[in-house]
Structure formats: C-alpha cells, structure tokens
Amino acid sequence: MLAGFHQHRVLRFWLWQEKRCPFCRELFTRETEWNIRHVIEQHAGGTDKLEGLLLPHLICHRQLYAVCLGHII
C-alpha cells in the first residue's frame, strides 16, 4: 500500500488524468500496474511538478519505450 505523500501524489495524478492512462485512455482499475514517468527526463531539465509527470499503465509505457527504441512489439 502507498503511504503518505506518495499516496496523495498518485491520487492527484489519477484525478488530473481523469482516471485514465494518458496513452491508451483506458480507465485505471485496482489491478492496473502503473508507473510515474517524467515527460522530460530529469537530466534534460524535467521537473517533479504535476505538469512534468505522467501516470501511464506500465504496459503502455513499456510499449511506447519499445517503439521509441525501434523494437517490434
């Protein structure tokens, strides 16, 4: 279970994204695996502000990353 600040942050993301993955637009469920990702990587100037982060399904993020690297899914 998430605790304290992290739980509050994830709840804010979930509501801000209208309870949906920003990539596939499917609703999150209790069983959904997810991960907080930076829109712009921190080493390239990305921030931890809400606007600089995404909360996608874990599988959607993996698929996007594989496409970006030129791998076939």
C-alpha atoms as a PDB file:
ATOM      1  CA  MET A   1       0.000   0.000   0.000  1.00  0.00           C
ATOM      2  CA  LEU A   2       1.188   3.506  -0.707  1.00  0.00           C
ATOM      3  CA  ALA A   3       1.832   5.771   2.225  1.00  0.00           C
ATOM      4  CA  GLY A   4       1.637   9.475   2.995  1.00  0.00           C
ATOM      5  CA  PHE A   5       2.891  11.960   0.427  1.00  0.00           C
ATOM      6  CA  HIS A   6       3.324   9.382  -2.347  1.00  0.00           C
ATOM      7  CA  GLN A   7      -0.269   8.158  -1.980  1.00  0.00           C
ATOM      8  CA  HIS A   8      -1.552  11.746  -2.139  1.00  0.00           C
ATOM      9  CA  ARG A   9       0.559  12.456  -5.242  1.00  0.00           C
ATOM     10  CA  VAL A  10      -0.712   9.360  -7.075  1.00  0.00           C
ATOM     11  CA  LEU A  11      -4.304  10.293  -6.209  1.00  0.00           C
ATOM     12  CA  ARG A  12      -3.730  13.788  -7.638  1.00  0.00           C
ATOM     13  CA  PHE A  13      -2.328  12.266 -10.862  1.00  0.00           C
ATOM     14  CA  TRP A  14      -5.215   9.843 -11.117  1.00  0.00           C
ATOM     15  CA  LEU A  15      -7.776  12.635 -10.818  1.00  0.00           C
ATOM     16  CA  TRP A  16      -5.825  15.090 -13.018  1.00  0.00           C
ATOM     17  CA  GLN A  17      -5.670  12.479 -15.796  1.00  0.00           C
ATOM     18  CA  GLU A  18      -9.406  11.793 -15.384  1.00  0.00           C
ATOM     19  CA  LYS A  19      -8.673   8.307 -14.005  1.00  0.00           C
ATOM     20  CA  ARG A  20      -7.234   7.263 -17.393  1.00  0.00           C
ATOM     21  CA  CYS A  21      -3.902   6.287 -18.883  1.00  0.00           C
ATOM     22  CA  PRO A  22      -2.597   9.192 -20.991  1.00  0.00           C
ATOM     23  CA  PHE A  23      -1.516   6.795 -23.771  1.00  0.00           C
ATOM     24  CA  CYS A  24      -4.397   4.327 -24.272  1.00  0.00           C
ATOM     25  CA  ARG A  25      -7.073   6.416 -22.474  1.00  0.00           C
ATOM     26  CA  GLU A  26      -8.380   3.282 -20.712  1.00  0.00           C
ATOM     27  CA  LEU A  27      -9.521   3.640 -17.114  1.00  0.00           C
ATOM     28  CA  PHE A  28      -7.237   2.524 -14.304  1.00  0.00           C
ATOM     29  CA  THR A  29      -8.516  -0.369 -12.179  1.00  0.00           C
ATOM     30  CA  ARG A  30      -7.444  -1.782  -8.831  1.00  0.00           C
ATOM     31  CA  GLU A  31      -5.467  -4.420 -10.749  1.00  0.00           C
ATOM     32  CA  THR A  32      -3.755  -1.908 -13.021  1.00  0.00           C
ATOM     33  CA  GLU A  33       0.019  -1.745 -12.905  1.00  0.00           C
ATOM     34  CA  TRP A  34       1.258   1.817 -13.369  1.00  0.00           C
ATOM     35  CA  ASN A  35       4.362   3.899 -13.049  1.00  0.00           C
ATOM     36  CA  ILE A  36       5.043   7.612 -12.628  1.00  0.00           C
ATOM     37  CA  ARG A  37       7.149   8.852 -15.550  1.00  0.00           C
ATOM     38  CA  HIS A  38       8.767  12.187 -16.380  1.00  0.00           C
ATOM     39  CA  VAL A  39       7.580  13.902 -19.572  1.00  0.00           C
ATOM     40  CA  ILE A  40      11.115  15.267 -19.953  1.00  0.00           C
ATOM     41  CA  GLU A  41      13.835  13.261 -18.228  1.00  0.00           C
ATOM     42  CA  GLN A  42      15.297  14.999 -15.191  1.00  0.00           C
ATOM     43  CA  HIS A  43      18.827  15.106 -16.626  1.00  0.00           C
ATOM     44  CA  ALA A  44      17.355  17.063 -19.572  1.00  0.00           C
ATOM     45  CA  GLY A  45      15.610  19.600 -17.351  1.00  0.00           C
ATOM     46  CA  GLY A  46      12.397  17.762 -16.432  1.00  0.00           C
ATOM     47  CA  THR A  47      10.734  18.505 -13.103  1.00  0.00           C
ATOM     48  CA  ASP A  48       8.732  16.668 -10.437  1.00  0.00           C
ATOM     49  CA  LYS A  49       5.834  19.114 -10.804  1.00  0.00           C
ATOM     50  CA  LEU A  50       2.482  17.589 -11.742  1.00  0.00           C
ATOM     51  CA  GLU A  51       2.677  19.076 -15.250  1.00  0.00           C
ATOM     52  CA  GLY A  52       6.071  17.434 -15.796  1.00  0.00           C
ATOM     53  CA  LEU A  53       4.960  13.902 -14.967  1.00  0.00           C
ATOM     54  CA  LEU A  54       2.666  11.205 -16.356  1.00  0.00           C
ATOM     55  CA  LEU A  55       0.921   8.246 -14.752  1.00  0.00           C
ATOM     56  CA  PRO A  56       0.589   5.611 -17.518  1.00  0.00           C
ATOM     57  CA  HIS A  57      -0.221   1.918 -17.383  1.00  0.00           C
ATOM     58  CA  LEU A  58       3.055   0.067 -17.010  1.00  0.00           C
ATOM     59  CA  ILE A  59       2.436  -1.927 -20.206  1.00  0.00           C
ATOM     60  CA  CYS A  60       1.619   1.244 -22.193  1.00  0.00           C
ATOM     61  CA  HIS A  61       4.862   2.834 -21.055  1.00  0.00           C
ATOM     62  CA  ARG A  62       6.844  -0.286 -21.975  1.00  0.00           C
ATOM     63  CA  GLN A  63       5.237  -0.433 -25.419  1.00  0.00           C
ATOM     64  CA  LEU A  64       5.928   3.249 -26.083  1.00  0.00           C
ATOM     65  CA  TYR A  65       9.537   2.859 -24.949  1.00  0.00           C
ATOM     66  CA  ALA A  66       9.994  -0.181 -27.210  1.00  0.00           C
ATOM     67  CA  VAL A  67       8.625   1.752 -30.203  1.00  0.00           C
ATOM     68  CA  CYS A  68      10.915   4.693 -29.430  1.00  0.00           C
ATOM     69  CA  LEU A  69      13.891   2.332 -29.386  1.00  0.00           C
ATOM     70  CA  GLY A  70      12.809   0.783 -32.689  1.00  0.00           C
ATOM     71  CA  HIS A  71      11.873  -2.611 -31.254  1.00  0.00           C
ATOM     72  CA  ILE A  72       8.935  -4.566 -32.629  1.00  0.00           C
ATOM     73  CA  ILE A  73       6.240  -5.233 -30.044  1.00  0.00           C
END
